[in-house]
Structure formats: structure tokens, C-alpha cells
Amino acid sequence: MIDRNSAILSAYTGILFGDFGDFHEYIEELVGRPVVTIEFADPDFAAKIKELSRKDFLNVRDREKRIKKILNEQYEQLQEIQKRIEVLEKALEED
């Protein structure tokens, strides 16, 4: 299984994140054909890769934002539960 997020980031930014093999496999999926390594040196091909990977890149970014939002909401709920536990513990100590 390829590290898809790293491959997407690599395709969109032009900076290799992760394994080159994963990136290469993702690019072949994007363009729908085998890609010879020398093609990566072509600026026009790099521009095409960036254009083709844009939607996936934006989805990765939006997914990360949604995950952070969910985690923040869960953290706030946990803090509220902790406060309730403290109130209950104090009430039990008074009895």
C-alpha cells in the first residue's frame, strides 16, 4: 500500500515527501500510463502533475482540518467531563 498523502504532497509541491516509489506509482495513476523517470525532469510534465494532483491535495488539506476540528471538540468535551468528575468527587468527600 502506498503512502498516498505523501505522494499527493510530493506531486503538488514538487518536493519529495516519503518514498519515491509511492510517488511514482501515484503519478502513473494520475496520468493513466507508465511514466519513465526522466519525465520528472520536464517542467511541463511537472506542471501537469501539479494540475492533476490539485484536487487530491485540497482534499488532504481539508481532511486534516476536519480531523483537527473533531479532536478539538473531543478535547473540550473531555475537559468538561473532568470538571464534572471533580465536582462529584468534592461532593462525595463532603458526605
C-alpha atoms as a PDB file:
ATOM      1  CA  MET A   1       0.000   0.000   0.000  1.00  0.00           C
ATOM      2  CA  ILE A   2       1.402   3.368  -0.959  1.00  0.00           C
ATOM      3  CA  ASP A   3       1.676   6.339   1.380  1.00  0.00           C
ATOM      4  CA  ARG A   4      -0.888   8.267  -0.623  1.00  0.00           C
ATOM      5  CA  ASN A   5      -0.776  11.515   1.367  1.00  0.00           C
ATOM      6  CA  SER A   6       2.996  11.821   0.962  1.00  0.00           C
ATOM      7  CA  ALA A   7       2.698  11.046  -2.743  1.00  0.00           C
ATOM      8  CA  ILE A   8      -0.014  13.701  -3.148  1.00  0.00           C
ATOM      9  CA  LEU A   9       2.045  16.314  -1.307  1.00  0.00           C
ATOM     10  CA  SER A  10       5.057  15.432  -3.443  1.00  0.00           C
ATOM     11  CA  ALA A  11       3.088  15.714  -6.669  1.00  0.00           C
ATOM     12  CA  TYR A  12       1.553  19.056  -5.807  1.00  0.00           C
ATOM     13  CA  THR A  13       4.596  20.758  -4.259  1.00  0.00           C
ATOM     14  CA  GLY A  14       7.359  19.243  -6.369  1.00  0.00           C
ATOM     15  CA  ILE A  15       9.212  18.299  -3.173  1.00  0.00           C
ATOM     16  CA  LEU A  16       9.584  14.588  -2.437  1.00  0.00           C
ATOM     17  CA  PHE A  17       7.901  13.516   0.794  1.00  0.00           C
ATOM     18  CA  GLY A  18       8.250   9.838   1.602  1.00  0.00           C
ATOM     19  CA  ASP A  19       9.194   7.074  -0.784  1.00  0.00           C
ATOM     20  CA  PHE A  20       9.906   7.783  -4.456  1.00  0.00           C
ATOM     21  CA  GLY A  21       8.256   4.501  -5.434  1.00  0.00           C
ATOM     22  CA  ASP A  22       4.989   5.598  -3.810  1.00  0.00           C
ATOM     23  CA  PHE A  23       5.205   8.950  -5.585  1.00  0.00           C
ATOM     24  CA  HIS A  24       5.952   7.279  -8.928  1.00  0.00           C
ATOM     25  CA  GLU A  25       3.003   4.903  -8.527  1.00  0.00           C
ATOM     26  CA  TYR A  26       0.667   7.802  -7.702  1.00  0.00           C
ATOM     27  CA  ILE A  27       1.859   9.761 -10.751  1.00  0.00           C
ATOM     28  CA  GLU A  28       1.227   6.794 -13.029  1.00  0.00           C
ATOM     29  CA  GLU A  29      -2.263   6.566 -11.570  1.00  0.00           C
ATOM     30  CA  LEU A  30      -2.798  10.290 -12.211  1.00  0.00           C
ATOM     31  CA  VAL A  31      -1.665  10.289 -15.829  1.00  0.00           C
ATOM     32  CA  GLY A  32      -3.129   6.866 -16.588  1.00  0.00           C
ATOM     33  CA  ARG A  33       0.008   5.387 -18.116  1.00  0.00           C
ATOM     34  CA  PRO A  34       3.511   4.204 -17.232  1.00  0.00           C
ATOM     35  CA  VAL A  35       5.909   7.085 -16.527  1.00  0.00           C
ATOM     36  CA  VAL A  36       9.607   6.928 -17.302  1.00  0.00           C
ATOM     37  CA  THR A  37      11.731   8.528 -14.567  1.00  0.00           C
ATOM     38  CA  ILE A  38      13.328  11.036 -16.964  1.00  0.00           C
ATOM     39  CA  GLU A  39       9.886  12.617 -17.481  1.00  0.00           C
ATOM     40  CA  PHE A  40      10.060  14.074 -13.969  1.00  0.00           C
ATOM     41  CA  ALA A  41      12.797  16.455 -15.191  1.00  0.00           C
ATOM     42  CA  ASP A  42      10.419  18.039 -17.728  1.00  0.00           C
ATOM     43  CA  PRO A  43       8.957  21.320 -16.368  1.00  0.00           C
ATOM     44  CA  ASP A  44       5.813  20.883 -18.495  1.00  0.00           C
ATOM     45  CA  PHE A  45       5.276  17.414 -17.029  1.00  0.00           C
ATOM     46  CA  ALA A  46       5.796  18.788 -13.513  1.00  0.00           C
ATOM     47  CA  ALA A  47       3.172  21.473 -14.192  1.00  0.00           C
ATOM     48  CA  LYS A  48       0.770  18.817 -15.476  1.00  0.00           C
ATOM     49  CA  ILE A  49       1.343  16.710 -12.346  1.00  0.00           C
ATOM     50  CA  LYS A  50       0.634  19.716 -10.137  1.00  0.00           C
ATOM     51  CA  GLU A  51      -2.573  20.462 -12.018  1.00  0.00           C
ATOM     52  CA  LEU A  52      -3.745  16.838 -11.918  1.00  0.00           C
ATOM     53  CA  SER A  53      -2.973  16.441  -8.203  1.00  0.00           C
ATOM     54  CA  ARG A  54      -4.609  19.708  -7.073  1.00  0.00           C
ATOM     55  CA  LYS A  55      -7.973  18.158  -6.155  1.00  0.00           C
ATOM     56  CA  ASP A  56      -6.306  15.397  -4.121  1.00  0.00           C
ATOM     57  CA  PHE A  57      -4.059  17.974  -2.422  1.00  0.00           C
ATOM     58  CA  LEU A  58      -7.026  20.102  -1.384  1.00  0.00           C
ATOM     59  CA  ASN A  59      -8.834  17.014  -0.088  1.00  0.00           C
ATOM     60  CA  VAL A  60      -5.834  16.092   2.083  1.00  0.00           C
ATOM     61  CA  ARG A  61      -5.706  19.620   3.484  1.00  0.00           C
ATOM     62  CA  ASP A  62      -9.452  19.730   4.165  1.00  0.00           C
ATOM     63  CA  ARG A  63      -9.358  16.283   5.766  1.00  0.00           C
ATOM     64  CA  GLU A  64      -6.609  17.415   8.117  1.00  0.00           C
ATOM     65  CA  LYS A  65      -8.682  20.457   9.105  1.00  0.00           C
ATOM     66  CA  ARG A  66     -11.734  18.274   9.804  1.00  0.00           C
ATOM     67  CA  ILE A  67      -9.672  15.890  11.934  1.00  0.00           C
ATOM     68  CA  LYS A  68      -8.220  18.780  13.968  1.00  0.00           C
ATOM     69  CA  LYS A  69     -11.703  20.215  14.497  1.00  0.00           C
ATOM     70  CA  ILE A  70     -13.045  16.860  15.716  1.00  0.00           C
ATOM     71  CA  LEU A  71     -10.071  16.373  18.034  1.00  0.00           C
ATOM     72  CA  ASN A  72     -10.520  19.861  19.499  1.00  0.00           C
ATOM     73  CA  GLU A  73     -14.226  19.209  20.097  1.00  0.00           C
ATOM     74  CA  GLN A  74     -13.448  15.901  21.791  1.00  0.00           C
ATOM     75  CA  TYR A  75     -10.787  17.561  23.941  1.00  0.00           C
ATOM     76  CA  GLU A  76     -13.275  20.217  25.067  1.00  0.00           C
ATOM     77  CA  GLN A  77     -15.803  17.507  25.930  1.00  0.00           C
ATOM     78  CA  LEU A  78     -13.148  15.652  27.903  1.00  0.00           C
ATOM     79  CA  GLN A  79     -12.308  18.801  29.866  1.00  0.00           C
ATOM     80  CA  GLU A  80     -15.995  19.281  30.708  1.00  0.00           C
ATOM     81  CA  ILE A  81     -16.261  15.676  31.894  1.00  0.00           C
ATOM     82  CA  GLN A  82     -13.148  16.157  34.031  1.00  0.00           C
ATOM     83  CA  LYS A  83     -14.720  19.217  35.676  1.00  0.00           C
ATOM     84  CA  ARG A  84     -17.888  17.237  36.443  1.00  0.00           C
ATOM     85  CA  ILE A  85     -15.833  14.432  37.950  1.00  0.00           C
ATOM     86  CA  GLU A  86     -14.043  16.912  40.210  1.00  0.00           C
ATOM     87  CA  VAL A  87     -17.381  18.355  41.375  1.00  0.00           C
ATOM     88  CA  LEU A  88     -18.703  14.863  42.121  1.00  0.00           C
ATOM     89  CA  GLU A  89     -15.526  13.885  43.988  1.00  0.00           C
ATOM     90  CA  LYS A  90     -15.795  17.004  46.179  1.00  0.00           C
ATOM     91  CA  ALA A  91     -19.453  16.250  46.893  1.00  0.00           C
ATOM     92  CA  LEU A  92     -18.579  12.694  47.903  1.00  0.00           C
ATOM     93  CA  GLU A  93     -15.809  13.952  50.203  1.00  0.00           C
ATOM     94  CA  GLU A  94     -18.291  16.218  51.994  1.00  0.00           C
ATOM     95  CA  ASP A  95     -20.640  13.305  52.781  1.00  0.00           C
END
